[in-house]
Structures are given as structure tokens and as C-alpha cells.
Amino acid sequence: MKNLSSYLTEHYGKGYSFDNLKLMRKFYKIYKTDAIGETVFSQFNTILSLLLDVNFI
């Protein structure tokens, strides 16, 4: 991973230190199966639509 760190830093700039790559890998391993949720605004619109739907009440 140290070689990868050097390669990424050389080609893409800062942010790819060995420690950062370890943290990125850890983050991926923990959250790889989670889906990114909707934004709050779209969730609000969904809830509002349900509340305004006559069939829902």
C-alpha cells in the first residue's frame, strides 16, 4: 500500500498518504453494502405526497 500511496500522490496530488489509504480502506469495508440515502428534501417531498394523498388517510 505504500507503493500505491506514492503512485497516487505522484499522479493525483495530496490526500493519498499511507494513513489516508488505510482509513479509506476501512471506510469501504464498513460501508460497502450500504446505499446512499435520499436527500432530506426528496424524503420530505415523499412524505408530503403521502400525507396529501386522500387514499393514505
C-alpha atoms as a PDB file:
ATOM      1  CA  MET A   1       0.000   0.000   0.000  1.00  0.00           C
ATOM      2  CA  LYS A   2       2.992   2.300   0.426  1.00  0.00           C
ATOM      3  CA  ASN A   3       3.739   1.936  -3.293  1.00  0.00           C
ATOM      4  CA  LEU A   4       0.124   2.754  -4.104  1.00  0.00           C
ATOM      5  CA  SER A   5       0.328   5.814  -1.870  1.00  0.00           C
ATOM      6  CA  SER A   6       3.405   7.055  -3.712  1.00  0.00           C
ATOM      7  CA  TYR A   7       1.833   6.391  -7.114  1.00  0.00           C
ATOM      8  CA  LEU A   8      -1.458   8.150  -6.304  1.00  0.00           C
ATOM      9  CA  THR A   9       0.298  11.126  -4.717  1.00  0.00           C
ATOM     10  CA  GLU A  10       2.560  11.494  -7.753  1.00  0.00           C
ATOM     11  CA  HIS A  11      -0.331  11.338 -10.236  1.00  0.00           C
ATOM     12  CA  TYR A  12      -3.187  13.000  -8.312  1.00  0.00           C
ATOM     13  CA  GLY A  13      -1.574  15.186  -5.643  1.00  0.00           C
ATOM     14  CA  LYS A  14      -2.094  15.342  -1.902  1.00  0.00           C
ATOM     15  CA  GLY A  15      -4.534  13.238   0.094  1.00  0.00           C
ATOM     16  CA  TYR A  16      -3.228   9.747  -0.617  1.00  0.00           C
ATOM     17  CA  SER A  17      -0.877   9.174   2.294  1.00  0.00           C
ATOM     18  CA  PHE A  18      -0.461   5.649   3.628  1.00  0.00           C
ATOM     19  CA  ASP A  19      -2.598   6.549   6.663  1.00  0.00           C
ATOM     20  CA  ASN A  20      -5.342   8.047   4.478  1.00  0.00           C
ATOM     21  CA  LEU A  21      -5.421   4.942   2.283  1.00  0.00           C
ATOM     22  CA  LYS A  22      -5.796   2.773   5.385  1.00  0.00           C
ATOM     23  CA  LEU A  23      -8.731   4.937   6.517  1.00  0.00           C
ATOM     24  CA  MET A  24     -10.324   4.823   3.039  1.00  0.00           C
ATOM     25  CA  ARG A  25     -10.000   1.032   3.009  1.00  0.00           C
ATOM     26  CA  LYS A  26     -11.512   0.763   6.491  1.00  0.00           C
ATOM     27  CA  PHE A  27     -14.403   3.045   5.474  1.00  0.00           C
ATOM     28  CA  TYR A  28     -15.053   0.933   2.372  1.00  0.00           C
ATOM     29  CA  LYS A  29     -15.019  -2.325   4.312  1.00  0.00           C
ATOM     30  CA  ILE A  30     -17.539  -0.980   6.833  1.00  0.00           C
ATOM     31  CA  TYR A  31     -19.933   0.735   4.415  1.00  0.00           C
ATOM     32  CA  LYS A  32     -19.552  -1.215   1.137  1.00  0.00           C
ATOM     33  CA  THR A  33     -23.053  -2.713   1.344  1.00  0.00           C
ATOM     34  CA  ASP A  34     -24.854   0.468   2.446  1.00  0.00           C
ATOM     35  CA  ALA A  35     -26.728   2.504  -0.132  1.00  0.00           C
ATOM     36  CA  ILE A  36     -26.558   6.261  -0.130  1.00  0.00           C
ATOM     37  CA  GLY A  37     -29.909   7.549   1.071  1.00  0.00           C
ATOM     38  CA  GLU A  38     -32.127  10.147  -0.456  1.00  0.00           C
ATOM     39  CA  THR A  39     -31.600  13.777   0.333  1.00  0.00           C
ATOM     40  CA  VAL A  40     -33.722  15.258   3.080  1.00  0.00           C
ATOM     41  CA  PHE A  41     -35.618  17.375   0.550  1.00  0.00           C
ATOM     42  CA  SER A  42     -36.670  14.387  -1.569  1.00  0.00           C
ATOM     43  CA  GLN A  43     -37.643  12.488   1.589  1.00  0.00           C
ATOM     44  CA  PHE A  44     -39.761  15.463   2.628  1.00  0.00           C
ATOM     45  CA  ASN A  45     -41.474  15.514  -0.768  1.00  0.00           C
ATOM     46  CA  THR A  46     -42.232  11.793  -0.492  1.00  0.00           C
ATOM     47  CA  ILE A  47     -43.728  12.193   2.973  1.00  0.00           C
ATOM     48  CA  LEU A  48     -45.668  15.278   1.908  1.00  0.00           C
ATOM     49  CA  SER A  49     -47.071  13.393  -1.096  1.00  0.00           C
ATOM     50  CA  LEU A  50     -48.212  10.568   1.173  1.00  0.00           C
ATOM     51  CA  LEU A  51     -49.813  12.974   3.624  1.00  0.00           C
ATOM     52  CA  LEU A  52     -51.672  14.791   0.855  1.00  0.00           C
ATOM     53  CA  ASP A  53     -52.845  11.557  -0.803  1.00  0.00           C
ATOM     54  CA  VAL A  54     -56.515  11.043   0.078  1.00  0.00           C
ATOM     55  CA  ASN A  55     -56.130   7.243  -0.092  1.00  0.00           C
ATOM     56  CA  PHE A  56     -53.376   7.346   2.526  1.00  0.00           C
ATOM     57  CA  ILE A  57     -55.533   8.956   5.219  1.00  0.00           C
END
